């Protein structure tokens, strides 16, 4: 039995109600994720947080969300890759922990299959969206360019239906098992199994941290990583993490401040596009660029949708059909920086009407560099740092930490999206000269250095494990050392070792699921043998 919105329901009724509630949540969260990206509710941190709110236990939700996010930290869906959906894992784990009254770390482990289910439903949705491309192609042939918009935007509810169905299925199955029966079953298991599950769950963040370190390149910034790790793991004083992060940010900023300056590259080509046309194109590229993401053209239909107001201003009749056809092609870059390419394209289209070959070369030429730059700097580095900040706030007892992430991430990404469109339009073709490889490399190094430093600092506080063997001796040593803790340092070293192991395995070509199973097996064995124990997941 579970109390939802003040109503006590029987098991089957609960299962049906929860399935509907979380279908609606995932549908709306997916619409946002493929559209304006304001709430980012499909992230594990936010999924767990909002699931906790819906079930009336925000503390439980934020604990599970924060720790599931650590597992998925580097599992960013870049390019066409689709990792297991850890947001659905978080939702399912919150429901499971609520109805079965089990530990969060055990609930996360048991909910992992939901991530696989979500991954496959996401793939199906993106495949179905391929049909939108062929429909738009026919519309262009018929000259019905004005109907393109609705077919592009239809991609969002299609994805919402498939992802919502995956969550509903997972939640219904978990809830229909019955909380009391499941809880009783788990409690009847031998203690070594529960200990193994608890430690395995506490060590799973190593796979997410290892993945993001591989992407960022630990070797290039290893000394920042080592210094941050040693300071936080050895010094046992309040707010040591915050102190280290602030000081580290100042040092890294001072070293890279010259690289962060972007000055104008002179005047580009001259273009005359009405402000209302530019405004329409800007809002489209900022808010709905990825609405119809699919496996054939990826963002190609979204690109056409975004630049369409400019094309309709410049071209008419057969010329418009030809231009629309030319832009209905493969395109894939970082969506936060995509408005820059759209506006630059608009400048070229206006000044060099009909030169579609030049436009295509310029568009494709910028697509690759901005994809790599945006994915590493915006998604992995900036997004990773902000997620770590939010998780740290949760660790400090601030349950509304996820809202801080939403606020800061929106400020950063919306500023970049709107400003990049203006920047691309005003600078014209000179944008290519401004964004030199050297300048982009400098900005990337700053973001990656800060991200690696932050990960080094958070590892000691993420892995909530302690040595069981020799625990009393270690406690007496800690008491004598006062501000230094050997226990925490050893625990941090275990977490560090598994993080580096995960990084090594990814580098050797292991898939996310394979690394998950390896880390899980190691944690389960260490816990079952009582070599180490879990002292609690990230807690409030």
Protein backbone atom coordinates (compact mmCIF):
# COMPACT_ATOMS: atom_id res chain seq x y z
CA UNK A 1 0.00 0.00 0.00
CA UNK A 2 1.18 3.53 -0.79
CA UNK A 3 -0.10 7.00 -0.08
CA UNK A 4 -0.22 9.07 -3.29
CA UNK A 5 -1.65 12.60 -3.18
CA UNK A 6 -3.19 11.72 0.18
CA UNK A 7 -5.06 8.66 -1.11
CA UNK A 8 -4.36 5.13 0.18
CA UNK A 9 -4.50 2.67 -2.69
CA UNK A 10 -4.26 -1.09 -3.04
CA UNK A 11 -1.35 -2.56 -4.98
CA UNK A 12 -2.96 -2.91 -8.44
CA UNK A 13 -4.61 0.49 -8.22
CA UNK A 14 -1.29 1.97 -7.18
CA UNK A 15 0.48 0.33 -10.11
CA UNK A 16 -2.03 1.69 -12.62
CA UNK A 17 -2.04 5.18 -11.13
CA UNK A 18 1.74 5.38 -10.91
CA UNK A 19 2.09 4.15 -14.49
CA UNK A 20 -0.21 6.93 -15.70
CA UNK A 21 1.46 9.59 -13.54
CA UNK A 22 4.95 8.77 -14.74
CA UNK A 23 3.82 8.32 -18.35
CA UNK A 24 2.61 11.92 -18.25
CA UNK A 25 5.80 13.07 -16.55
CA UNK A 26 8.09 11.33 -19.06
CA UNK A 27 5.99 12.53 -21.99
CA UNK A 28 6.33 16.16 -20.88
CA UNK A 29 10.00 15.76 -19.95
CA UNK A 30 10.75 14.28 -23.38
CA UNK A 31 8.88 17.09 -25.15
CA UNK A 32 11.14 19.49 -23.28
CA UNK A 33 14.32 17.48 -23.90
CA UNK A 34 13.75 17.36 -27.67
CA UNK A 35 12.43 20.91 -27.67
CA UNK A 36 13.48 23.95 -25.61
CA UNK A 37 15.55 22.00 -23.04
CA UNK A 38 14.45 24.13 -20.09
CA UNK A 39 13.91 21.58 -17.31
CA UNK A 40 16.06 18.73 -18.69
CA UNK A 41 13.75 16.39 -16.79
CA UNK A 42 15.07 13.23 -18.44
CA UNK A 43 18.39 13.53 -16.59
CA UNK A 44 18.65 11.08 -13.66
CA UNK A 45 19.17 13.89 -11.14
CA UNK A 46 15.97 15.63 -12.21
CA UNK A 47 14.01 12.42 -12.84
CA UNK A 48 14.67 11.23 -9.29
CA UNK A 49 13.98 14.66 -7.85
CA UNK A 50 10.60 15.06 -9.54
CA UNK A 51 9.68 11.42 -8.88
CA UNK A 52 10.28 12.11 -5.20
CA UNK A 53 8.02 15.15 -5.36
CA UNK A 54 5.26 13.18 -7.09
CA UNK A 55 5.46 10.44 -4.46
CA UNK A 56 5.65 12.87 -1.55
CA UNK A 57 9.22 11.94 -0.56
CA UNK A 58 11.56 14.50 -2.11
CA UNK A 59 14.43 13.42 0.14
CA UNK A 60 14.34 9.86 -1.17
CA UNK A 61 13.95 11.10 -4.73
CA UNK A 62 16.90 13.46 -4.58
CA UNK A 63 19.16 10.83 -2.97
CA UNK A 64 18.40 8.30 -5.71
CA UNK A 65 18.52 10.94 -8.44
CA UNK A 66 21.91 12.25 -7.33
CA UNK A 67 23.49 8.84 -7.16
CA UNK A 68 21.99 7.57 -10.39
CA UNK A 69 23.31 10.73 -12.04
CA UNK A 70 26.80 9.87 -10.84
CA UNK A 71 26.49 6.46 -12.48
CA UNK A 72 25.44 8.13 -15.74
CA UNK A 73 27.70 11.18 -15.56
CA UNK A 74 29.57 10.49 -18.79
CA UNK A 75 26.74 8.68 -20.59
CA UNK A 76 25.83 11.69 -22.72
CA UNK A 77 23.93 10.84 -25.94
CA UNK A 78 26.37 12.52 -28.34
CA UNK A 79 26.03 12.03 -32.07
CA UNK A 80 23.77 9.06 -32.71
CA UNK A 81 24.71 7.10 -29.61
CA UNK A 82 21.95 6.00 -27.24
CA UNK A 83 23.19 4.88 -23.80
CA UNK A 84 20.99 3.09 -21.26
CA UNK A 85 18.36 5.52 -19.97
CA UNK A 86 19.43 6.19 -16.41
CA UNK A 87 16.66 8.75 -15.99
CA UNK A 88 14.19 5.88 -16.17
CA UNK A 89 16.39 3.94 -13.75
CA UNK A 90 16.06 6.81 -11.27
CA UNK A 91 12.26 6.96 -11.58
CA UNK A 92 11.86 3.21 -11.24
CA UNK A 93 14.25 3.12 -8.28
CA UNK A 94 12.31 5.85 -6.44
CA UNK A 95 9.05 3.95 -6.96
CA UNK A 96 10.68 0.69 -5.91
CA UNK A 97 12.25 2.16 -2.77
CA UNK A 98 8.92 3.76 -1.85
CA UNK A 99 6.72 0.70 -2.16
CA UNK A 100 9.21 -1.88 -0.86
CA UNK A 101 10.84 0.26 1.84
CA UNK A 102 14.35 -0.78 0.79
CA UNK A 103 17.66 1.06 0.75
CA UNK A 104 18.21 3.51 -2.13
CA UNK A 105 21.39 1.76 -3.29
CA UNK A 106 19.59 -1.59 -3.53
CA UNK A 107 16.66 0.02 -5.35
CA UNK A 108 19.00 1.52 -7.97
CA UNK A 109 20.62 -1.85 -8.63
CA UNK A 110 17.25 -3.59 -8.99
CA UNK A 111 15.97 -0.82 -11.29
CA UNK A 112 18.84 -1.03 -13.80
CA UNK A 113 16.85 -3.15 -16.33
CA UNK A 114 14.50 -0.16 -16.73
CA UNK A 115 17.39 1.71 -18.32
CA UNK A 116 17.76 -0.97 -20.99
CA UNK A 117 14.02 -0.89 -21.67
CA UNK A 118 14.15 2.89 -22.01
CA UNK A 119 17.11 2.70 -24.38
CA UNK A 120 15.26 0.41 -26.80
CA UNK A 121 12.07 2.46 -26.73
CA UNK A 122 14.13 5.60 -27.42
CA UNK A 123 15.72 3.89 -30.42
CA UNK A 124 12.28 2.89 -31.73
CA UNK A 125 11.04 6.46 -31.39
CA UNK A 126 13.99 7.90 -33.30
CA UNK A 127 13.47 5.30 -36.00
CA UNK A 128 9.77 6.13 -36.35
CA UNK A 129 10.74 9.80 -36.80
CA UNK A 130 12.48 8.83 -40.06
CA UNK A 131 9.00 8.80 -41.59
CA UNK A 132 8.73 12.54 -40.95
CA UNK A 133 11.70 13.18 -43.24
CA UNK A 134 10.12 11.35 -46.17
CA UNK A 135 6.82 13.13 -45.63
CA UNK A 136 8.56 16.52 -45.71
CA UNK A 137 10.45 15.50 -48.85
CA UNK A 138 7.12 14.86 -50.59
CA UNK A 139 5.73 18.18 -49.34
CA UNK A 140 8.66 20.02 -50.88
CA UNK A 141 8.09 18.25 -54.20
CA UNK A 142 4.44 19.35 -54.05
CA UNK A 143 5.43 22.92 -53.22
CA UNK A 144 3.70 22.75 -49.82
CA UNK A 145 6.64 24.24 -47.93
CA UNK A 146 4.34 25.89 -45.39
CA UNK A 147 3.36 22.46 -44.05
CA UNK A 148 6.91 21.49 -43.09
CA UNK A 149 6.66 23.02 -39.61
CA UNK A 150 3.94 20.73 -38.25
CA UNK A 151 5.71 17.56 -39.38
CA UNK A 152 8.97 18.61 -37.78
CA UNK A 153 7.27 19.46 -34.47
CA UNK A 154 5.38 16.15 -34.54
CA UNK A 155 8.65 14.44 -33.67
CA UNK A 156 8.44 15.62 -30.06
CA UNK A 157 5.14 13.92 -29.13
CA UNK A 158 6.24 10.79 -31.02
CA UNK A 159 9.33 10.54 -28.82
CA UNK A 160 7.23 11.41 -25.78
CA UNK A 161 4.82 8.55 -26.45
CA UNK A 162 7.55 5.93 -26.80
CA UNK A 163 9.61 7.10 -23.84
CA UNK A 164 6.50 7.58 -21.73
CA UNK A 165 5.39 4.05 -22.57
CA UNK A 166 8.76 2.67 -21.45
CA UNK A 167 8.50 4.41 -18.07
CA UNK A 168 4.88 3.35 -17.63
CA UNK A 169 5.76 -0.30 -18.30
CA UNK A 170 8.72 -0.27 -15.89
CA UNK A 171 6.78 1.49 -13.13
CA UNK A 172 3.73 -0.73 -13.51
CA UNK A 173 5.79 -3.93 -13.31
CA UNK A 174 7.65 -2.72 -10.22
CA UNK A 175 4.50 -1.48 -8.48
CA UNK A 176 2.41 -4.52 -9.42
CA UNK A 177 4.86 -6.82 -7.68
CA UNK A 178 3.59 -5.41 -4.43
CA UNK A 179 5.68 -3.40 -2.02
CA UNK A 180 5.10 -5.54 1.04
CA UNK A 181 5.85 -8.82 -0.75
CA UNK A 182 8.98 -7.46 -2.42
CA UNK A 183 10.23 -5.88 0.79
CA UNK A 184 9.65 -9.08 2.73
CA UNK A 185 11.46 -11.10 0.08
CA UNK A 186 14.51 -8.84 0.14
CA UNK A 187 14.65 -8.86 3.92
CA UNK A 188 14.52 -12.64 3.93
CA UNK A 189 17.73 -12.86 1.91
CA UNK A 190 21.02 -13.66 3.67
CA UNK A 191 22.81 -10.58 4.99
CA UNK A 192 25.81 -11.14 2.72
CA UNK A 193 23.61 -10.71 -0.36
CA UNK A 194 22.18 -7.43 0.91
CA UNK A 195 25.67 -6.26 1.91
CA UNK A 196 26.92 -7.13 -1.56
CA UNK A 197 24.08 -5.26 -3.24
CA UNK A 198 24.61 -2.21 -1.02
CA UNK A 199 28.33 -1.96 -1.75
CA UNK A 200 27.81 -2.66 -5.46
CA UNK A 201 25.31 0.18 -5.63
CA UNK A 202 27.64 2.51 -3.74
CA UNK A 203 30.49 1.79 -6.18
CA UNK A 204 28.55 2.13 -9.45
CA UNK A 205 29.32 5.88 -9.76
CA UNK A 206 32.81 4.76 -10.84
CA UNK A 207 31.44 3.86 -14.28
CA UNK A 208 30.05 7.36 -14.89
CA UNK A 209 33.11 9.15 -13.53
CA UNK A 210 35.43 6.90 -15.52
CA UNK A 211 33.52 7.54 -18.73
CA UNK A 212 33.63 11.32 -18.44
CA UNK A 213 37.35 11.21 -17.54
CA UNK A 214 38.00 9.25 -20.72
CA UNK A 215 36.18 11.84 -22.81
CA UNK A 216 37.92 14.78 -21.14
CA UNK A 217 41.41 13.30 -21.23
CA UNK A 218 42.72 12.73 -17.71
CA UNK A 219 46.34 12.42 -18.83
CA UNK A 220 46.52 16.05 -19.98
CA UNK A 221 45.28 17.43 -16.64
CA UNK A 222 46.42 14.74 -14.22
CA UNK A 223 48.13 17.09 -11.76
CA UNK A 224 44.96 19.14 -11.28
CA UNK A 225 43.10 15.89 -10.69
CA UNK A 226 45.66 14.55 -8.21
CA UNK A 227 45.89 17.78 -6.20
CA UNK A 228 42.10 18.07 -5.89
CA UNK A 229 41.76 14.41 -4.91
CA UNK A 230 44.46 14.52 -2.23
CA UNK A 231 43.22 17.74 -0.63
CA UNK A 232 39.60 16.62 -0.32
CA UNK A 233 40.35 13.02 0.67
CA UNK A 234 42.96 13.80 3.34
CA UNK A 235 41.66 16.97 4.99
CA UNK A 236 38.61 16.20 7.11
CA UNK A 237 37.12 19.65 7.76
CA UNK A 238 33.68 21.10 6.94
CA UNK A 239 33.25 22.59 3.44
CA UNK A 240 36.64 21.33 2.26
CA UNK A 241 35.12 20.44 -1.13
CA UNK A 242 33.73 23.95 -1.63
CA UNK A 243 37.01 25.55 -0.57
CA UNK A 244 39.05 23.42 -2.96
CA UNK A 245 36.67 24.04 -5.87
CA UNK A 246 36.63 27.82 -5.38
CA UNK A 247 40.41 28.10 -5.10
CA UNK A 248 40.88 25.74 -8.03
CA UNK A 249 38.48 27.73 -10.22
CA UNK A 250 40.37 30.95 -9.52
CA UNK A 251 43.73 29.37 -10.37
CA UNK A 252 42.45 27.73 -13.57
CA UNK A 253 40.66 30.91 -14.66
CA UNK A 254 43.79 33.02 -14.23
CA UNK A 255 45.80 30.57 -16.31
CA UNK A 256 43.33 30.51 -19.21
CA UNK A 257 41.77 33.99 -19.09
CA UNK A 258 43.41 35.12 -22.34
CA UNK A 259 41.98 32.14 -24.19
CA UNK A 260 38.46 33.03 -23.03
CA UNK A 261 38.48 36.39 -24.82
CA UNK A 262 36.74 36.37 -28.19
CA UNK A 263 37.05 39.56 -30.21
CA UNK A 264 35.37 40.45 -33.44
CA UNK A 265 36.95 39.30 -36.64
CA UNK A 266 35.96 42.29 -38.74
CA UNK A 267 33.00 42.72 -41.04
CA UNK A 268 31.66 39.79 -42.98
CA UNK A 269 29.42 39.75 -46.03
CA UNK A 270 26.56 42.21 -46.14
CA UNK A 271 23.03 40.92 -45.64
CA UNK A 272 19.60 42.52 -45.40
CA UNK A 273 17.10 40.28 -43.65
CA UNK A 274 14.02 41.76 -41.89
CA UNK A 275 14.12 41.61 -38.09
CA UNK A 276 10.90 39.57 -37.86
CA UNK A 277 12.36 36.93 -40.19
CA UNK A 278 15.55 36.77 -38.15
CA UNK A 279 13.55 36.55 -34.92
CA UNK A 280 11.52 33.63 -36.24
CA UNK A 281 14.62 31.77 -37.38
CA UNK A 282 16.37 32.45 -34.08
CA UNK A 283 13.50 31.13 -31.95
CA UNK A 284 13.18 28.05 -34.12
CA UNK A 285 16.89 27.20 -33.89
CA UNK A 286 17.00 27.90 -30.15
CA UNK A 287 13.80 26.18 -29.03
CA UNK A 288 12.93 23.39 -31.48
CA UNK A 289 16.09 22.47 -33.38
CA UNK A 290 16.01 18.78 -32.36
CA UNK A 291 12.25 18.20 -32.37
CA UNK A 292 12.39 15.63 -35.19
CA UNK A 293 15.75 13.98 -34.41
CA UNK A 294 15.91 10.74 -36.39
CA UNK A 295 18.37 8.09 -37.56
CA UNK A 296 18.36 9.11 -41.22
CA UNK A 297 19.18 12.84 -41.21
CA UNK A 298 19.60 13.28 -37.43
CA UNK A 299 19.11 17.08 -37.07
CA UNK A 300 18.69 17.65 -40.81
CA UNK A 301 14.95 18.32 -40.75
CA UNK A 302 15.43 20.56 -37.71
CA UNK A 303 18.01 22.58 -39.62
CA UNK A 304 15.60 23.09 -42.52
CA UNK A 305 12.84 24.06 -40.07
CA UNK A 306 15.14 26.62 -38.43
CA UNK A 307 16.36 28.35 -41.59
CA UNK A 308 13.03 28.10 -43.43
CA UNK A 309 11.82 31.67 -42.60
CA UNK A 310 15.02 33.05 -44.17
CA UNK A 311 14.68 30.79 -47.21
CA UNK A 312 11.06 31.89 -47.72
CA UNK A 313 12.19 35.53 -47.57
CA UNK A 314 14.96 35.02 -50.13
CA UNK A 315 13.47 32.49 -52.54
CA UNK A 316 10.11 31.97 -54.22
CA UNK A 317 8.55 29.22 -56.28
CA UNK A 318 10.92 26.68 -57.79
CA UNK A 319 13.94 28.38 -56.24
CA UNK A 320 12.43 27.88 -52.78
CA UNK A 321 11.80 24.20 -53.50
CA UNK A 322 15.39 23.80 -54.67
CA UNK A 323 16.79 25.54 -51.58
CA UNK A 324 14.57 23.54 -49.22
CA UNK A 325 15.64 20.31 -50.92
CA UNK A 326 19.28 21.28 -50.55
CA UNK A 327 18.89 21.82 -46.81
CA UNK A 328 16.96 18.59 -46.23
CA UNK A 329 20.20 16.66 -45.76
CA UNK A 330 22.23 15.05 -43.00
CA UNK A 331 23.25 17.45 -40.26
CA UNK A 332 24.45 16.82 -36.74
CA UNK A 333 26.19 19.22 -34.39
CA UNK A 334 25.86 20.43 -30.82
CA UNK A 335 22.33 21.92 -30.54
CA UNK A 336 23.48 24.75 -28.26
CA UNK A 337 25.84 26.06 -30.95
CA UNK A 338 23.63 25.19 -33.95
CA UNK A 339 21.97 28.67 -34.02
CA UNK A 340 25.39 30.12 -34.92
CA UNK A 341 25.55 28.03 -38.09
CA UNK A 342 21.92 28.80 -38.97
CA UNK A 343 22.44 32.57 -38.75
CA UNK A 344 25.72 32.42 -40.66
CA UNK A 345 23.96 30.38 -43.32
CA UNK A 346 21.27 33.06 -43.50
CA UNK A 347 23.89 35.73 -44.14
CA UNK A 348 25.40 33.71 -46.99
CA UNK A 349 22.00 32.83 -48.47
CA UNK A 350 21.03 36.51 -48.54
CA UNK A 351 24.31 37.86 -49.91
CA UNK A 352 25.04 35.03 -52.36
CA UNK A 353 21.59 34.00 -53.48
CA UNK A 354 21.53 30.60 -55.13
CA UNK A 355 25.09 29.63 -54.22
CA UNK A 356 23.89 26.48 -52.47
CA UNK A 357 27.12 24.60 -53.06
CA UNK A 358 29.12 27.18 -51.11
CA UNK A 359 26.51 27.21 -48.35
CA UNK A 360 26.63 23.42 -48.05
CA UNK A 361 30.43 23.37 -47.80
CA UNK A 362 30.47 26.08 -45.15
CA UNK A 363 27.67 24.43 -43.17
CA UNK A 364 29.31 21.02 -43.17
CA UNK A 365 32.71 22.57 -42.49
CA UNK A 366 31.47 24.15 -39.25
CA UNK A 367 29.26 21.21 -38.26
CA UNK A 368 32.11 18.92 -37.21
CA UNK A 369 34.31 21.33 -35.21
CA UNK A 370 31.34 22.83 -33.35
CA UNK A 371 30.00 19.34 -32.60
CA UNK A 372 33.23 18.25 -30.95
CA UNK A 373 33.73 21.59 -29.23
CA UNK A 374 30.15 21.83 -27.97
CA UNK A 375 29.87 18.23 -26.82
CA UNK A 376 33.10 18.38 -24.83
CA UNK A 377 32.82 21.93 -23.47
CA UNK A 378 29.05 22.35 -23.01
CA UNK A 379 27.69 18.85 -22.38
CA UNK A 380 30.60 17.10 -20.68
CA UNK A 381 32.66 19.87 -19.07
CA UNK A 382 30.15 22.61 -18.22
CA UNK A 383 27.23 20.24 -17.73
CA UNK A 384 29.40 17.87 -15.72
CA UNK A 385 30.64 20.61 -13.40
CA UNK A 386 27.11 21.92 -12.79
CA UNK A 387 25.82 18.41 -12.10
CA UNK A 388 28.65 17.82 -9.65
CA UNK A 389 27.78 21.12 -7.96
CA UNK A 390 24.12 20.10 -7.62
CA UNK A 391 25.03 16.65 -6.31
CA UNK A 392 27.37 18.25 -3.78
CA UNK A 393 24.55 20.49 -2.57
CA UNK A 394 22.43 17.38 -2.09
CA UNK A 395 25.29 15.83 -0.15
CA UNK A 396 25.33 18.91 2.09
CA UNK A 397 21.63 18.47 2.88
CA UNK A 398 20.14 20.90 0.35
CA UNK A 399 17.34 18.89 -1.25
CA UNK A 400 16.60 21.64 -3.78
CA UNK A 401 20.07 21.30 -5.30
CA UNK A 402 18.64 20.03 -8.63
CA UNK A 403 16.85 23.36 -9.08
CA UNK A 404 20.22 25.10 -8.85
CA UNK A 405 21.41 22.95 -11.74
CA UNK A 406 18.35 23.86 -13.83
CA UNK A 407 18.83 27.57 -13.16
CA UNK A 408 22.56 27.68 -13.88
CA UNK A 409 22.40 25.35 -16.89
CA UNK A 410 19.57 27.38 -18.43
CA UNK A 411 21.46 30.63 -17.90
CA UNK A 412 24.56 29.20 -19.58
CA UNK A 413 22.92 27.38 -22.48
CA UNK A 414 20.21 29.91 -23.33
CA UNK A 415 22.75 32.74 -23.27
CA UNK A 416 24.98 30.80 -25.64
CA UNK A 417 22.09 29.81 -27.91
CA UNK A 418 20.70 33.33 -28.33
CA UNK A 419 24.06 35.09 -28.43
CA UNK A 420 25.59 32.60 -30.85
CA UNK A 421 22.81 33.30 -33.36
CA UNK A 422 23.45 37.05 -33.11
CA UNK A 423 27.19 36.50 -33.24
CA UNK A 424 26.99 34.41 -36.39
CA UNK A 425 24.74 36.90 -38.16
CA UNK A 426 26.68 40.03 -37.24
CA UNK A 427 30.08 38.60 -38.02
CA UNK A 428 29.08 36.89 -41.23
CA UNK A 429 31.80 34.88 -42.89
CA UNK A 430 34.37 36.48 -40.58
CA UNK A 431 33.06 34.06 -37.94
CA UNK A 432 35.23 31.37 -39.48
CA UNK A 433 38.29 33.52 -38.84
CA UNK A 434 37.24 34.39 -35.27
CA UNK A 435 36.71 30.78 -34.27
CA UNK A 436 40.21 29.64 -35.06
CA UNK A 437 41.33 26.20 -34.00
CA UNK A 438 43.75 27.79 -31.53
CA UNK A 439 41.00 29.87 -29.89
CA UNK A 440 38.62 26.92 -29.64
CA UNK A 441 41.38 24.75 -28.22
CA UNK A 442 42.08 27.32 -25.50
CA UNK A 443 38.43 27.50 -24.42
CA UNK A 444 38.16 23.72 -24.50
CA UNK A 445 41.25 23.33 -22.31
CA UNK A 446 39.83 25.70 -19.70
CA UNK A 447 36.53 23.83 -19.49
CA UNK A 448 38.14 20.40 -19.48
CA UNK A 449 40.69 21.38 -16.82
CA UNK A 450 37.95 22.67 -14.53
CA UNK A 451 35.87 19.52 -15.10
CA UNK A 452 38.76 17.13 -14.38
CA UNK A 453 39.69 19.14 -11.27
CA UNK A 454 36.07 18.97 -10.04
CA UNK A 455 35.91 15.21 -10.55
CA UNK A 456 39.13 14.75 -8.60
CA UNK A 457 37.58 16.71 -5.75
CA UNK A 458 34.22 14.93 -5.72
CA UNK A 459 35.49 11.32 -5.75
CA UNK A 460 36.30 11.30 -1.99
CA UNK A 461 32.76 12.40 -1.08
CA UNK A 462 30.90 10.32 -3.67
CA UNK A 463 31.99 6.86 -2.61
CA UNK A 464 30.20 6.34 0.68
CA UNK A 465 32.09 3.20 1.67
CA UNK A 466 34.38 2.36 4.56
CA UNK A 467 36.87 -0.47 5.21
CA UNK A 468 35.37 -3.13 7.49
CA UNK A 469 38.65 -4.90 8.17
CA UNK A 470 40.66 -2.87 10.67
CA UNK A 471 37.87 -0.34 11.15
CA UNK A 472 38.55 0.12 14.87
CA UNK A 473 42.27 0.73 14.33
CA UNK A 474 41.57 3.24 11.57
CA UNK A 475 39.06 5.05 13.79
CA UNK A 476 41.66 5.46 16.55
CA UNK A 477 44.22 6.78 14.04
CA UNK A 478 41.68 9.28 12.70
CA UNK A 479 40.95 10.49 16.22
CA UNK A 480 44.66 11.10 16.81
CA UNK A 481 45.19 12.91 13.50
CA UNK A 482 42.15 15.17 14.06
CA UNK A 483 41.76 17.07 10.76
CA UNK A 484 43.18 14.20 8.67
CA UNK A 485 41.23 10.99 8.04
CA UNK A 486 43.00 7.81 6.95
CA UNK A 487 39.63 6.03 6.74
CA UNK A 488 38.23 8.49 4.22
CA UNK A 489 41.50 8.46 2.28
CA UNK A 490 41.46 4.65 1.95
CA UNK A 491 37.79 4.74 0.94
CA UNK A 492 38.58 7.42 -1.64
CA UNK A 493 41.45 5.33 -3.01
CA UNK A 494 39.09 2.39 -3.54
CA UNK A 495 36.68 4.65 -5.42
CA UNK A 496 39.55 6.15 -7.40
CA UNK A 497 40.86 2.72 -8.33
CA UNK A 498 37.50 1.60 -9.67
CA UNK A 499 37.03 4.90 -11.53
CA UNK A 500 40.40 4.47 -13.25
CA UNK A 501 39.54 0.83 -13.98
CA UNK A 502 36.31 1.94 -15.66
CA UNK A 503 38.23 4.54 -17.69
CA UNK A 504 40.73 1.88 -18.77
CA UNK A 505 37.96 -0.52 -19.82
CA UNK A 506 36.21 2.16 -21.87
CA UNK A 507 39.52 2.92 -23.56
CA UNK A 508 39.82 -0.74 -24.50
CA UNK A 509 36.43 -0.67 -26.21
CA UNK A 510 34.21 -2.09 -23.46
CA UNK A 511 30.55 -1.05 -23.68
CA UNK A 512 28.77 0.79 -20.86
CA UNK A 513 26.78 -2.30 -19.92
CA UNK A 514 29.91 -4.44 -19.73
CA UNK A 515 31.67 -1.94 -17.47
CA UNK A 516 28.55 -1.75 -15.31
CA UNK A 517 28.57 -5.52 -14.83
CA UNK A 518 32.28 -5.57 -13.97
CA UNK A 519 32.02 -2.76 -11.40
CA UNK A 520 28.88 -4.35 -9.97
CA UNK A 521 30.59 -7.74 -9.62
CA UNK A 522 33.63 -6.24 -7.88
CA UNK A 523 31.44 -4.27 -5.49
CA UNK A 524 29.20 -7.23 -4.75
CA UNK A 525 32.16 -9.47 -3.91
CA UNK A 526 33.83 -6.86 -1.69
CA UNK A 527 30.56 -6.27 0.14
CA UNK A 528 29.57 -9.91 0.46
CA UNK A 529 32.99 -10.78 1.91
CA UNK A 530 32.69 -7.86 4.35
CA UNK A 531 35.94 -6.33 3.13
CA UNK A 532 34.26 -2.96 2.76
CA UNK A 533 30.82 -1.76 3.74
CA UNK A 534 28.42 0.91 2.52
CA UNK A 535 27.85 3.63 5.09
CA UNK A 536 24.99 5.16 3.16
CA UNK A 537 24.50 6.54 -0.28
CA UNK A 538 24.80 10.27 -0.92
CA UNK A 539 22.60 11.31 1.93
CA UNK A 540 20.63 14.30 3.10
